[in-house]
């Protein structure tokens, strides 16, 4: 007798789905239902994306949502500073940028993303 899978969406992701991962050596770990602390990293990213991006925009359809999230992901991974990475972005430079002229002489440019919702700054040589 087969016991029903207690996961949400179990009609879509069956035990056969888990078998595919098991075949390549990935172990399936079930998280409790409605327990955001059980998957804190994903929950933290969702909160950040909502707070910094989605709560400030009117999304008019699926295609618009995909375009907005794609642009936000580029900003998040390539430009946004992360505290745990010593204020560097995940896909950013491994070394800090070289020391520039004194602050009063350095030129800074601003790039607007998502229609000006997010600003990215860079030093110009």
PDB file of N, CA and C in Angstrom:
ATOM      1  N   UNK A   1       0.847  -1.183   0.000  1.00  0.00           N
ATOM      2  CA  UNK A   1       0.000   0.000   0.000  1.00  0.00           C
ATOM      3  C   UNK A   1       0.890   1.244   0.000  1.00  0.00           C
ATOM      4  N   UNK A   2       0.579   2.185  -0.879  1.00  0.00           N
ATOM      5  CA  UNK A   2       1.372   3.406  -0.960  1.00  0.00           C
ATOM      6  C   UNK A   2       0.736   4.491  -0.103  1.00  0.00           C
ATOM      7  N   UNK A   3       1.539   5.093   0.752  1.00  0.00           N
ATOM      8  CA  UNK A   3       1.066   6.170   1.628  1.00  0.00           C
ATOM      9  C   UNK A   3       1.170   7.481   0.853  1.00  0.00           C
ATOM     10  N   UNK A   4       0.117   8.315   0.904  1.00  0.00           N
ATOM     11  CA  UNK A   4       0.178   9.586   0.177  1.00  0.00           C
ATOM     12  C   UNK A   4       1.310  10.467   0.708  1.00  0.00           C
ATOM     13  N   UNK A   5       1.913  11.203  -0.185  1.00  0.00           N
ATOM     14  CA  UNK A   5       3.007  12.102   0.177  1.00  0.00           C
ATOM     15  C   UNK A   5       2.421  13.336   0.862  1.00  0.00           C
ATOM     16  N   UNK A   6       2.893  13.701   2.060  1.00  0.00           N
ATOM     17  CA  UNK A   6       2.307  14.817   2.798  1.00  0.00           C
ATOM     18  C   UNK A   6       2.766  16.191   2.331  1.00  0.00           C
ATOM     19  N   UNK A   7       3.614  16.265   1.306  1.00  0.00           N
ATOM     20  CA  UNK A   7       4.129  17.559   0.867  1.00  0.00           C
ATOM     21  C   UNK A   7       3.060  18.357   0.137  1.00  0.00           C
ATOM     22  N   UNK A   8       3.105  19.686   0.298  1.00  0.00           N
ATOM     23  CA  UNK A   8       2.213  20.508  -0.509  1.00  0.00           C
ATOM     24  C   UNK A   8       2.602  20.366  -1.973  1.00  0.00           C
ATOM     25  N   UNK A   9       1.632  20.284  -2.832  1.00  0.00           N
ATOM     26  CA  UNK A   9       1.895  20.104  -4.254  1.00  0.00           C
ATOM     27  C   UNK A   9       2.340  18.691  -4.584  1.00  0.00           C
ATOM     28  N   UNK A  10       1.972  17.714  -3.738  1.00  0.00           N
ATOM     29  CA  UNK A  10       2.452  16.348  -3.943  1.00  0.00           C
ATOM     30  C   UNK A  10       1.923  15.724  -5.228  1.00  0.00           C
ATOM     31  N   UNK A  11       0.860  16.284  -5.798  1.00  0.00           N
ATOM     32  CA  UNK A  11       0.364  15.763  -7.061  1.00  0.00           C
ATOM     33  C   UNK A  11       1.380  16.047  -8.167  1.00  0.00           C
ATOM     34  N   UNK A  12       2.102  17.134  -8.047  1.00  0.00           N
ATOM     35  CA  UNK A  12       3.052  17.535  -9.069  1.00  0.00           C
ATOM     36  C   UNK A  12       4.428  16.907  -8.828  1.00  0.00           C
ATOM     37  N   UNK A  13       4.867  16.881  -7.584  1.00  0.00           N
ATOM     38  CA  UNK A  13       6.194  16.357  -7.242  1.00  0.00           C
ATOM     39  C   UNK A  13       6.028  15.067  -6.451  1.00  0.00           C
ATOM     40  N   UNK A  14       5.985  13.972  -7.141  1.00  0.00           N
ATOM     41  CA  UNK A  14       5.748  12.672  -6.516  1.00  0.00           C
ATOM     42  C   UNK A  14       7.062  12.035  -6.091  1.00  0.00           C
ATOM     43  N   UNK A  15       6.958  10.844  -5.526  1.00  0.00           N
ATOM     44  CA  UNK A  15       8.162  10.117  -5.127  1.00  0.00           C
ATOM     45  C   UNK A  15       9.002   9.755  -6.349  1.00  0.00           C
ATOM     46  N   UNK A  16       8.382   9.663  -7.517  1.00  0.00           N
ATOM     47  CA  UNK A  16       9.144   9.411  -8.744  1.00  0.00           C
ATOM     48  C   UNK A  16      10.078  10.587  -9.031  1.00  0.00           C
ATOM     49  N   UNK A  17       9.631  11.767  -8.693  1.00  0.00           N
ATOM     50  CA  UNK A  17      10.455  12.967  -8.845  1.00  0.00           C
ATOM     51  C   UNK A  17      11.690  12.853  -7.952  1.00  0.00           C
ATOM     52  N   UNK A  18      11.498  12.386  -6.711  1.00  0.00           N
ATOM     53  CA  UNK A  18      12.620  12.190  -5.787  1.00  0.00           C
ATOM     54  C   UNK A  18      13.584  11.136  -6.310  1.00  0.00           C
ATOM     55  N   UNK A  19      13.071  10.133  -7.007  1.00  0.00           N
ATOM     56  CA  UNK A  19      13.921   9.062  -7.534  1.00  0.00           C
ATOM     57  C   UNK A  19      14.914   9.598  -8.559  1.00  0.00           C
ATOM     58  N   UNK A  20      14.508  10.603  -9.318  1.00  0.00           N
ATOM     59  CA  UNK A  20      15.411  11.209 -10.299  1.00  0.00           C
ATOM     60  C   UNK A  20      16.609  11.821  -9.580  1.00  0.00           C
ATOM     61  N   UNK A  21      16.335  12.530  -8.489  1.00  0.00           N
ATOM     62  CA  UNK A  21      17.429  13.133  -7.727  1.00  0.00           C
ATOM     63  C   UNK A  21      18.277  12.071  -7.038  1.00  0.00           C
ATOM     64  N   UNK A  22      17.638  11.043  -6.506  1.00  0.00           N
ATOM     65  CA  UNK A  22      18.375   9.967  -5.837  1.00  0.00           C
ATOM     66  C   UNK A  22      19.332   9.281  -6.807  1.00  0.00           C
ATOM     67  N   UNK A  23      18.932   9.182  -8.065  1.00  0.00           N
ATOM     68  CA  UNK A  23      19.774   8.531  -9.071  1.00  0.00           C
ATOM     69  C   UNK A  23      21.083   9.281  -9.303  1.00  0.00           C
ATOM     70  N   UNK A  24      21.084  10.580  -9.061  1.00  0.00           N
ATOM     71  CA  UNK A  24      22.323  11.349  -9.242  1.00  0.00           C
ATOM     72  C   UNK A  24      22.983  11.680  -7.900  1.00  0.00           C
ATOM     73  N   UNK A  25      22.499  11.045  -6.834  1.00  0.00           N
ATOM     74  CA  UNK A  25      23.147  11.196  -5.536  1.00  0.00           C
ATOM     75  C   UNK A  25      22.660  12.343  -4.680  1.00  0.00           C
ATOM     76  N   UNK A  26      21.516  12.928  -5.018  1.00  0.00           N
ATOM     77  CA  UNK A  26      20.966  14.021  -4.223  1.00  0.00           C
ATOM     78  C   UNK A  26      19.946  13.454  -3.253  1.00  0.00           C
ATOM     79  N   UNK A  27      20.085  13.817  -1.985  1.00  0.00           N
ATOM     80  CA  UNK A  27      19.163  13.328  -0.961  1.00  0.00           C
ATOM     81  C   UNK A  27      18.040  14.349  -0.772  1.00  0.00           C
ATOM     82  N   UNK A  28      16.797  13.894  -0.757  1.00  0.00           N
ATOM     83  CA  UNK A  28      15.644  14.765  -0.571  1.00  0.00           C
ATOM     84  C   UNK A  28      15.410  14.977   0.913  1.00  0.00           C
ATOM     85  N   UNK A  29      15.283  16.230   1.307  1.00  0.00           N
ATOM     86  CA  UNK A  29      15.000  16.567   2.700  1.00  0.00           C
ATOM     87  C   UNK A  29      13.652  17.270   2.730  1.00  0.00           C
ATOM     88  N   UNK A  30      12.720  16.732   3.473  1.00  0.00           N
ATOM     89  CA  UNK A  30      11.396  17.340   3.580  1.00  0.00           C
ATOM     90  C   UNK A  30      11.418  18.406   4.669  1.00  0.00           C
ATOM     91  N   UNK A  31      10.874  19.557   4.358  1.00  0.00           N
ATOM     92  CA  UNK A  31      10.765  20.616   5.359  1.00  0.00           C
ATOM     93  C   UNK A  31       9.329  20.659   5.854  1.00  0.00           C
ATOM     94  N   UNK A  32       9.136  21.051   7.104  1.00  0.00           N
ATOM     95  CA  UNK A  32       7.771  21.121   7.631  1.00  0.00           C
ATOM     96  C   UNK A  32       6.930  22.150   6.872  1.00  0.00           C
ATOM     97  N   UNK A  33       5.647  21.891   6.806  1.00  0.00           N
ATOM     98  CA  UNK A  33       4.717  22.799   6.144  1.00  0.00           C
ATOM     99  C   UNK A  33       4.578  24.061   6.987  1.00  0.00           C
ATOM    100  N   UNK A  34       4.580  25.210   6.317  1.00  0.00           N
ATOM    101  CA  UNK A  34       4.421  26.517   6.955  1.00  0.00           C
ATOM    102  C   UNK A  34       5.429  26.743   8.080  1.00  0.00           C
ATOM    103  N   UNK A  35       6.666  26.397   7.825  1.00  0.00           N
ATOM    104  CA  UNK A  35       7.741  26.608   8.794  1.00  0.00           C
ATOM    105  C   UNK A  35       8.866  27.378   8.100  1.00  0.00           C
ATOM    106  N   UNK A  36       8.744  28.706   8.023  1.00  0.00           N
ATOM    107  CA  UNK A  36       9.725  29.482   7.269  1.00  0.00           C
ATOM    108  C   UNK A  36      11.148  29.362   7.797  1.00  0.00           C
ATOM    109  N   UNK A  37      11.317  29.058   9.066  1.00  0.00           N
ATOM    110  CA  UNK A  37      12.674  28.925   9.606  1.00  0.00           C
ATOM    111  C   UNK A  37      13.368  27.664   9.107  1.00  0.00           C
ATOM    112  N   UNK A  38      12.610  26.727   8.598  1.00  0.00           N
ATOM    113  CA  UNK A  38      13.197  25.490   8.096  1.00  0.00           C
ATOM    114  C   UNK A  38      13.935  25.717   6.775  1.00  0.00           C
ATOM    115  N   UNK A  39      13.589  26.768   6.067  1.00  0.00           N
ATOM    116  CA  UNK A  39      14.257  27.093   4.809  1.00  0.00           C
ATOM    117  C   UNK A  39      14.583  28.582   4.818  1.00  0.00           C
ATOM    118  N   UNK A  40      15.369  28.977   5.793  1.00  0.00           N
ATOM    119  CA  UNK A  40      15.600  30.389   6.077  1.00  0.00           C
ATOM    120  C   UNK A  40      16.275  31.142   4.939  1.00  0.00           C
ATOM    121  N   UNK A  41      17.155  30.503   4.205  1.00  0.00           N
ATOM    122  CA  UNK A  41      17.871  31.214   3.140  1.00  0.00           C
ATOM    123  C   UNK A  41      16.907  31.627   2.036  1.00  0.00           C
ATOM    124  N   UNK A  42      16.062  30.719   1.598  1.00  0.00           N
ATOM    125  CA  UNK A  42      15.083  31.054   0.558  1.00  0.00           C
ATOM    126  C   UNK A  42      14.083  32.081   1.073  1.00  0.00           C
ATOM    127  N   UNK A  43      13.637  31.916   2.302  1.00  0.00           N
ATOM    128  CA  UNK A  43      12.677  32.864   2.868  1.00  0.00           C
ATOM    129  C   UNK A  43      13.290  34.258   2.979  1.00  0.00           C
ATOM    130  N   UNK A  44      14.558  34.341   3.326  1.00  0.00           N
ATOM    131  CA  UNK A  44      15.235  35.631   3.444  1.00  0.00           C
ATOM    132  C   UNK A  44      15.321  36.313   2.080  1.00  0.00           C
ATOM    133  N   UNK A  45      15.644  35.546   1.036  1.00  0.00           N
ATOM    134  CA  UNK A  45      15.736  36.138  -0.293  1.00  0.00           C
ATOM    135  C   UNK A  45      14.365  36.631  -0.762  1.00  0.00           C
ATOM    136  N   UNK A  46      13.336  35.854  -0.507  1.00  0.00           N
ATOM    137  CA  UNK A  46      11.981  36.253  -0.899  1.00  0.00           C
ATOM    138  C   UNK A  46      11.592  37.546  -0.194  1.00  0.00           C
ATOM    139  N   UNK A  47      11.888  37.644   1.100  1.00  0.00           N
ATOM    140  CA  UNK A  47      11.587  38.864   1.854  1.00  0.00           C
ATOM    141  C   UNK A  47      12.340  40.056   1.259  1.00  0.00           C
ATOM    142  N   UNK A  48      13.612  39.866   0.946  1.00  0.00           N
ATOM    143  CA  UNK A  48      14.416  40.947   0.371  1.00  0.00           C
ATOM    144  C   UNK A  48      13.864  41.373  -0.986  1.00  0.00           C
ATOM    145  N   UNK A  49      13.546  40.423  -1.842  1.00  0.00           N
ATOM    146  CA  UNK A  49      13.007  40.753  -3.165  1.00  0.00           C
ATOM    147  C   UNK A  49      11.678  41.486  -3.048  1.00  0.00           C
ATOM    148  N   UNK A  50      10.849  41.059  -2.135  1.00  0.00           N
ATOM    149  CA  UNK A  50       9.564  41.751  -1.947  1.00  0.00           C
ATOM    150  C   UNK A  50       9.774  43.161  -1.421  1.00  0.00           C
ATOM    151  N   UNK A  51      10.595  43.299  -0.379  1.00  0.00           N
ATOM    152  CA  UNK A  51      10.775  44.597   0.270  1.00  0.00           C
ATOM    153  C   UNK A  51      11.470  45.596  -0.652  1.00  0.00           C
ATOM    154  N   UNK A  52      12.531  45.176  -1.331  1.00  0.00           N
ATOM    155  CA  UNK A  52      13.311  46.108  -2.138  1.00  0.00           C
ATOM    156  C   UNK A  52      12.746  46.333  -3.535  1.00  0.00           C
ATOM    157  N   UNK A  53      11.910  45.427  -4.013  1.00  0.00           N
ATOM    158  CA  UNK A  53      11.497  45.513  -5.412  1.00  0.00           C
ATOM    159  C   UNK A  53       9.983  45.403  -5.594  1.00  0.00           C
ATOM    160  N   UNK A  54       9.424  44.261  -5.279  1.00  0.00           N
ATOM    161  CA  UNK A  54       8.039  43.977  -5.658  1.00  0.00           C
ATOM    162  C   UNK A  54       7.011  44.810  -4.910  1.00  0.00           C
ATOM    163  N   UNK A  55       7.278  45.182  -3.652  1.00  0.00           N
ATOM    164  CA  UNK A  55       6.327  46.003  -2.907  1.00  0.00           C
ATOM    165  C   UNK A  55       6.255  47.427  -3.441  1.00  0.00           C
ATOM    166  N   UNK A  56       7.200  47.811  -4.273  1.00  0.00           N
ATOM    167  CA  UNK A  56       7.268  49.179  -4.776  1.00  0.00           C
ATOM    168  C   UNK A  56       6.863  49.303  -6.237  1.00  0.00           C
ATOM    169  N   UNK A  57       6.405  48.211  -6.829  1.00  0.00           N
ATOM    170  CA  UNK A  57       6.031  48.222  -8.243  1.00  0.00           C
ATOM    171  C   UNK A  57       4.659  47.595  -8.426  1.00  0.00           C
ATOM    172  N   UNK A  58       3.971  48.036  -9.447  1.00  0.00           N
ATOM    173  CA  UNK A  58       2.713  47.422  -9.836  1.00  0.00           C
ATOM    174  C   UNK A  58       3.024  46.438 -10.957  1.00  0.00           C
ATOM    175  N   UNK A  59       2.912  45.167 -10.665  1.00  0.00           N
ATOM    176  CA  UNK A  59       3.203  44.120 -11.641  1.00  0.00           C
ATOM    177  C   UNK A  59       1.923  43.847 -12.422  1.00  0.00           C
ATOM    178  N   UNK A  60       2.006  43.917 -13.760  1.00  0.00           N
ATOM    179  CA  UNK A  60       0.799  43.820 -14.580  1.00  0.00           C
ATOM    180  C   UNK A  60       0.629  42.485 -15.292  1.00  0.00           C
ATOM    181  N   UNK A  61       1.511  41.553 -15.067  1.00  0.00           N
ATOM    182  CA  UNK A  61       1.366  40.239 -15.691  1.00  0.00           C
ATOM    183  C   UNK A  61       2.585  39.375 -15.437  1.00  0.00           C
ATOM    184  N   UNK A  62       2.476  38.134 -15.848  1.00  0.00           N
ATOM    185  CA  UNK A  62       3.567  37.176 -15.616  1.00  0.00           C
ATOM    186  C   UNK A  62       4.850  37.593 -16.338  1.00  0.00           C
ATOM    187  N   UNK A  63       4.732  38.012 -17.588  1.00  0.00           N
ATOM    188  CA  UNK A  63       5.909  38.417 -18.356  1.00  0.00           C
ATOM    189  C   UNK A  63       6.589  39.618 -17.696  1.00  0.00           C
ATOM    190  N   UNK A  64       5.799  40.557 -17.211  1.00  0.00           N
ATOM    191  CA  UNK A  64       6.351  41.721 -16.520  1.00  0.00           C
ATOM    192  C   UNK A  64       7.064  41.287 -15.239  1.00  0.00           C
ATOM    193  N   UNK A  65       6.460  40.369 -14.493  1.00  0.00           N
ATOM    194  CA  UNK A  65       7.070  39.856 -13.266  1.00  0.00           C
ATOM    195  C   UNK A  65       8.417  39.201 -13.561  1.00  0.00           C
ATOM    196  N   UNK A  66       8.476  38.389 -14.602  1.00  0.00           N
ATOM    197  CA  UNK A  66       9.728  37.713 -14.965  1.00  0.00           C
ATOM    198  C   UNK A  66      10.795  38.742 -15.341  1.00  0.00           C
ATOM    199  N   UNK A  67      10.419  39.750 -16.121  1.00  0.00           N
ATOM    200  CA  UNK A  67      11.377  40.777 -16.538  1.00  0.00           C
ATOM    201  C   UNK A  67      11.901  41.566 -15.333  1.00  0.00           C
ATOM    202  N   UNK A  68      11.001  41.934 -14.415  1.00  0.00           N
ATOM    203  CA  UNK A  68      11.400  42.686 -13.223  1.00  0.00           C
ATOM    204  C   UNK A  68      12.315  41.846 -12.338  1.00  0.00           C
ATOM    205  N   UNK A  69      11.939  40.591 -12.089  1.00  0.00           N
ATOM    206  CA  UNK A  69      12.764  39.737 -11.230  1.00  0.00           C
ATOM    207  C   UNK A  69      14.114  39.421 -11.872  1.00  0.00           C
ATOM    208  N   UNK A  70      14.158  39.287 -13.187  1.00  0.00           N
ATOM    209  CA  UNK A  70      15.432  39.048 -13.870  1.00  0.00           C
ATOM    210  C   UNK A  70      16.373  40.232 -13.672  1.00  0.00           C
ATOM    211  N   UNK A  71      15.851  41.433 -13.848  1.00  0.00           N
ATOM    212  CA  UNK A  71      16.680  42.633 -13.648  1.00  0.00           C
ATOM    213  C   UNK A  71      17.091  42.766 -12.182  1.00  0.00           C
ATOM    214  N   UNK A  72      16.170  42.471 -11.265  1.00  0.00           N
ATOM    215  CA  UNK A  72      16.510  42.551  -9.842  1.00  0.00           C
ATOM    216  C   UNK A  72      17.584  41.522  -9.482  1.00  0.00           C
ATOM    217  N   UNK A  73      17.495  40.317 -10.039  1.00  0.00           N
ATOM    218  CA  UNK A  73      18.513  39.292  -9.780  1.00  0.00           C
ATOM    219  C   UNK A  73      19.890  39.742 -10.259  1.00  0.00           C
ATOM    220  N   UNK A  74      19.948  40.384 -11.415  1.00  0.00           N
ATOM    221  CA  UNK A  74      21.230  40.905 -11.900  1.00  0.00           C
ATOM    222  C   UNK A  74      21.796  41.914 -10.910  1.00  0.00           C
ATOM    223  N   UNK A  75      20.945  42.808 -10.428  1.00  0.00           N
ATOM    224  CA  UNK A  75      21.388  43.792  -9.434  1.00  0.00           C
ATOM    225  C   UNK A  75      21.822  43.094  -8.149  1.00  0.00           C
ATOM    226  N   UNK A  76      21.018  42.160  -7.679  1.00  0.00           N
ATOM    227  CA  UNK A  76      21.273  41.468  -6.408  1.00  0.00           C
ATOM    228  C   UNK A  76      22.590  40.696  -6.449  1.00  0.00           C
ATOM    229  N   UNK A  77      22.859  40.012  -7.544  1.00  0.00           N
ATOM    230  CA  UNK A  77      24.055  39.172  -7.629  1.00  0.00           C
ATOM    231  C   UNK A  77      25.299  39.898  -8.129  1.00  0.00           C
ATOM    232  N   UNK A  78      25.130  40.977  -8.889  1.00  0.00           N
ATOM    233  CA  UNK A  78      26.286  41.637  -9.492  1.00  0.00           C
ATOM    234  C   UNK A  78      26.660  42.973  -8.860  1.00  0.00           C
ATOM    235  N   UNK A  79      25.731  43.624  -8.143  1.00  0.00           N
ATOM    236  CA  UNK A  79      26.021  44.970  -7.645  1.00  0.00           C
ATOM    237  C   UNK A  79      25.665  45.203  -6.179  1.00  0.00           C
ATOM    238  N   UNK A  80      24.659  44.563  -5.670  1.00  0.00           N
ATOM    239  CA  UNK A  80      24.192  44.830  -4.307  1.00  0.00           C
ATOM    240  C   UNK A  80      25.194  44.292  -3.289  1.00  0.00           C
ATOM    241  N   UNK A  81      25.630  45.123  -2.329  1.00  0.00           N
ATOM    242  CA  UNK A  81      26.572  44.633  -1.319  1.00  0.00           C
ATOM    243  C   UNK A  81      25.894  43.668  -0.349  1.00  0.00           C
ATOM    244  N   UNK A  82      26.633  42.650   0.062  1.00  0.00           N
ATOM    245  CA  UNK A  82      26.131  41.654   1.005  1.00  0.00           C
ATOM    246  C   UNK A  82      27.006  41.677   2.251  1.00  0.00           C
ATOM    247  N   UNK A  83      26.383  41.782   3.390  1.00  0.00           N
ATOM    248  CA  UNK A  83      27.108  41.887   4.654  1.00  0.00           C
ATOM    249  C   UNK A  83      28.015  40.682   4.890  1.00  0.00           C
ATOM    250  N   UNK A  84      27.525  39.480   4.614  1.00  0.00           N
ATOM    251  CA  UNK A  84      28.320  38.281   4.879  1.00  0.00           C
ATOM    252  C   UNK A  84      29.489  38.120   3.909  1.00  0.00           C
ATOM    253  N   UNK A  85      29.498  38.884   2.825  1.00  0.00           N
ATOM    254  CA  UNK A  85      30.586  38.817   1.845  1.00  0.00           C
ATOM    255  C   UNK A  85      31.486  40.047   1.937  1.00  0.00           C
ATOM    256  N   UNK A  86      31.526  40.666   3.107  1.00  0.00           N
ATOM    257  CA  UNK A  86      32.364  41.845   3.341  1.00  0.00           C
ATOM    258  C   UNK A  86      31.986  42.982   2.393  1.00  0.00           C
ATOM    259  N   UNK A  87      30.696  43.210   2.254  1.00  0.00           N
ATOM    260  CA  UNK A  87      30.112  44.280   1.439  1.00  0.00           C
ATOM    261  C   UNK A  87      30.412  44.143  -0.056  1.00  0.00           C
ATOM    262  N   UNK A  88      30.636  42.916  -0.518  1.00  0.00           N
ATOM    263  CA  UNK A  88      30.829  42.665  -1.949  1.00  0.00           C
ATOM    264  C   UNK A  88      29.642  41.866  -2.471  1.00  0.00           C
ATOM    265  N   UNK A  89      29.291  42.026  -3.738  1.00  0.00           N
ATOM    266  CA  UNK A  89      28.215  41.212  -4.322  1.00  0.00           C
ATOM    267  C   UNK A  89      28.700  39.791  -4.593  1.00  0.00           C
ATOM    268  N   UNK A  90      27.789  38.817  -4.630  1.00  0.00           N
ATOM    269  CA  UNK A  90      28.189  37.424  -4.863  1.00  0.00           C
ATOM    270  C   UNK A  90      28.972  37.218  -6.158  1.00  0.00           C
ATOM    271  N   UNK A  91      28.566  37.843  -7.250  1.00  0.00           N
ATOM    272  CA  UNK A  91      29.259  37.675  -8.529  1.00  0.00           C
ATOM    273  C   UNK A  91      30.245  38.802  -8.797  1.00  0.00           C
ATOM    274  N   UNK A  92      30.543  39.580  -7.765  1.00  0.00           N
ATOM    275  CA  UNK A  92      31.412  40.741  -7.946  1.00  0.00           C
ATOM    276  C   UNK A  92      32.877  40.393  -7.887  1.00  0.00           C
ATOM    277  N   UNK A  93      33.675  41.411  -7.784  1.00  0.00           N
ATOM    278  CA  UNK A  93      35.119  41.254  -7.737  1.00  0.00           C
ATOM    279  C   UNK A  93      35.544  40.571  -6.447  1.00  0.00           C
ATOM    280  N   UNK A  94      36.577  39.761  -6.543  1.00  0.00           N
ATOM    281  CA  UNK A  94      37.120  39.093  -5.359  1.00  0.00           C
ATOM    282  C   UNK A  94      37.902  40.084  -4.506  1.00  0.00           C
ATOM    283  N   UNK A  95      38.539  41.054  -5.152  1.00  0.00           N
ATOM    284  CA  UNK A  95      39.326  42.050  -4.431  1.00  0.00           C
ATOM    285  C   UNK A  95      38.555  43.357  -4.382  1.00  0.00           C
ATOM    286  N   UNK A  96      38.763  44.156  -3.342  1.00  0.00           N
ATOM    287  CA  UNK A  96      38.119  45.467  -3.322  1.00  0.00           C
ATOM    288  C   UNK A  96      38.670  46.333  -4.452  1.00  0.00           C
ATOM    289  N   UNK A  97      37.895  47.306  -4.924  1.00  0.00           N
ATOM    290  CA  UNK A  97      38.383  48.157  -6.009  1.00  0.00           C
ATOM    291  C   UNK A  97      39.633  48.919  -5.567  1.00  0.00           C
ATOM    292  N   UNK A  98      40.503  49.274  -6.494  1.00  0.00           N
ATOM    293  CA  UNK A  98      41.725  49.989  -6.121  1.00  0.00           C
ATOM    294  C   UNK A  98      41.407  51.355  -5.536  1.00  0.00           C
ATOM    295  N   UNK A  99      42.303  51.833  -4.688  1.00  0.00           N
ATOM    296  CA  UNK A  99      42.111  53.145  -4.063  1.00  0.00           C
ATOM    297  C   UNK A  99      42.093  54.212  -5.152  1.00  0.00           C
ATOM    298  N   UNK A 100      41.171  55.146  -5.008  1.00  0.00           N
ATOM    299  CA  UNK A 100      41.010  56.196  -6.010  1.00  0.00           C
ATOM    300  C   UNK A 100      41.534  57.513  -5.458  1.00  0.00           C
ATOM    301  N   UNK A 101      41.288  58.550  -6.218  1.00  0.00           N
ATOM    302  CA  UNK A 101      41.651  59.892  -5.778  1.00  0.00           C
ATOM    303  C   UNK A 101      40.924  60.212  -4.482  1.00  0.00           C
ATOM    304  N   UNK A 102      41.331  61.273  -3.824  1.00  0.00           N
ATOM    305  CA  UNK A 102      40.591  61.683  -2.622  1.00  0.00           C
ATOM    306  C   UNK A 102      39.106  61.855  -2.950  1.00  0.00           C
ATOM    307  N   UNK A 103      38.225  61.630  -1.970  1.00  0.00           N
ATOM    308  CA  UNK A 103      36.777  61.656  -2.232  1.00  0.00           C
ATOM    309  C   UNK A 103      36.281  62.903  -2.950  1.00  0.00           C
ATOM    310  N   UNK A 104      36.900  64.044  -2.704  1.00  0.00           N
ATOM    311  CA  UNK A 104      36.405  65.261  -3.348  1.00  0.00           C
ATOM    312  C   UNK A 104      36.794  65.336  -4.825  1.00  0.00           C
ATOM    313  N   UNK A 105      37.715  64.467  -5.287  1.00  0.00           N
ATOM    314  CA  UNK A 105      38.147  64.500  -6.680  1.00  0.00           C
ATOM    315  C   UNK A 105      37.650  63.302  -7.482  1.00  0.00           C
ATOM    316  N   UNK A 106      37.121  62.294  -6.824  1.00  0.00           N
ATOM    317  CA  UNK A 106      36.656  61.095  -7.531  1.00  0.00           C
ATOM    318  C   UNK A 106      35.343  61.385  -8.252  1.00  0.00           C
ATOM    319  N   UNK A 107      35.217  60.851  -9.467  1.00  0.00           N
ATOM    320  CA  UNK A 107      33.968  60.987 -10.224  1.00  0.00           C
ATOM    321  C   UNK A 107      33.125  59.747 -10.017  1.00  0.00           C
ATOM    322  N   UNK A 108      31.868  59.947  -9.702  1.00  0.00           N
ATOM    323  CA  UNK A 108      30.929  58.855  -9.464  1.00  0.00           C
ATOM    324  C   UNK A 108      29.832  58.944 -10.518  1.00  0.00           C
ATOM    325  N   UNK A 109      29.485  57.803 -11.107  1.00  0.00           N
ATOM    326  CA  UNK A 109      28.345  57.774 -12.023  1.00  0.00           C
ATOM    327  C   UNK A 109      27.242  56.922 -11.398  1.00  0.00           C
ATOM    328  N   UNK A 110      26.013  57.239 -11.756  1.00  0.00           N
ATOM    329  CA  UNK A 110      24.861  56.497 -11.244  1.00  0.00           C
ATOM    330  C   UNK A 110      24.136  55.847 -12.405  1.00  0.00           C
ATOM    331  N   UNK A 111      23.766  54.593 -12.208  1.00  0.00           N
ATOM    332  CA  UNK A 111      22.973  53.864 -13.202  1.00  0.00           C
ATOM    333  C   UNK A 111      21.650  53.500 -12.553  1.00  0.00           C
ATOM    334  N   UNK A 112      20.564  53.919 -13.172  1.00  0.00           N
ATOM    335  CA  UNK A 112      19.234  53.589 -12.662  1.00  0.00           C
ATOM    336  C   UNK A 112      18.791  52.250 -13.222  1.00  0.00           C
ATOM    337  N   UNK A 113      18.189  51.438 -12.360  1.00  0.00           N
ATOM    338  CA  UNK A 113      17.618  50.154 -12.782  1.00  0.00           C
ATOM    339  C   UNK A 113      16.159  50.131 -12.373  1.00  0.00           C
ATOM    340  N   UNK A 114      15.379  49.360 -13.092  1.00  0.00           N
ATOM    341  CA  UNK A 114      13.942  49.220 -12.840  1.00  0.00           C
ATOM    342  C   UNK A 114      13.263  50.588 -12.793  1.00  0.00           C
ATOM    343  N   UNK A 115      13.557  51.401 -13.786  1.00  0.00           N
ATOM    344  CA  UNK A 115      12.910  52.699 -13.898  1.00  0.00           C
ATOM    345  C   UNK A 115      13.283  53.676 -12.804  1.00  0.00           C
ATOM    346  N   UNK A 116      14.442  53.526 -12.208  1.00  0.00           N
ATOM    347  CA  UNK A 116      14.884  54.427 -11.149  1.00  0.00           C
ATOM    348  C   UNK A 116      14.578  53.931  -9.753  1.00  0.00           C
ATOM    349  N   UNK A 117      13.977  52.767  -9.628  1.00  0.00           N
ATOM    350  CA  UNK A 117      13.686  52.202  -8.307  1.00  0.00           C
ATOM    351  C   UNK A 117      14.978  51.857  -7.572  1.00  0.00           C
ATOM    352  N   UNK A 118      15.953  51.363  -8.312  1.00  0.00           N
ATOM    353  CA  UNK A 118      17.241  50.976  -7.739  1.00  0.00           C
ATOM    354  C   UNK A 118      18.327  51.788  -8.433  1.00  0.00           C
ATOM    355  N   UNK A 119      19.277  52.283  -7.657  1.00  0.00           N
ATOM    356  CA  UNK A 119      20.403  53.037  -8.198  1.00  0.00           C
ATOM    357  C   UNK A 119      21.691  52.265  -7.925  1.00  0.00           C
ATOM    358  N   UNK A 120      22.535  52.189  -8.926  1.00  0.00           N
ATOM    359  CA  UNK A 120      23.856  51.579  -8.766  1.00  0.00           C
ATOM    360  C   UNK A 120      24.898  52.658  -9.028  1.00  0.00           C
ATOM    361  N   UNK A 121      25.919  52.700  -8.196  1.00  0.00           N
ATOM    362  CA  UNK A 121      26.953  53.719  -8.298  1.00  0.00           C
ATOM    363  C   UNK A 121      28.290  53.066  -8.599  1.00  0.00           C
ATOM    364  N   UNK A 122      29.113  53.752  -9.395  1.00  0.00           N
ATOM    365  CA  UNK A 122      30.447  53.255  -9.713  1.00  0.00           C
ATOM    366  C   UNK A 122      31.397  54.437  -9.843  1.00  0.00           C
ATOM    367  N   UNK A 123      32.654  54.186  -9.508  1.00  0.00           N
ATOM    368  CA  UNK A 123      33.683  55.198  -9.652  1.00  0.00           C
ATOM    369  C   UNK A 123      34.220  55.173 -11.069  1.00  0.00           C
ATOM    370  N   UNK A 124      34.437  56.349 -11.628  1.00  0.00           N
ATOM    371  CA  UNK A 124      34.983  56.461 -12.974  1.00  0.00           C
ATOM    372  C   UNK A 124      36.454  56.826 -12.850  1.00  0.00           C
ATOM    373  N   UNK A 125      37.267  56.194 -13.662  1.00  0.00           N
ATOM    374  CA  UNK A 125      38.715  56.462 -13.604  1.00  0.00           C
ATOM    375  C   UNK A 125      39.041  57.837 -14.130  1.00  0.00           C
TER     376      UNK A 125
END
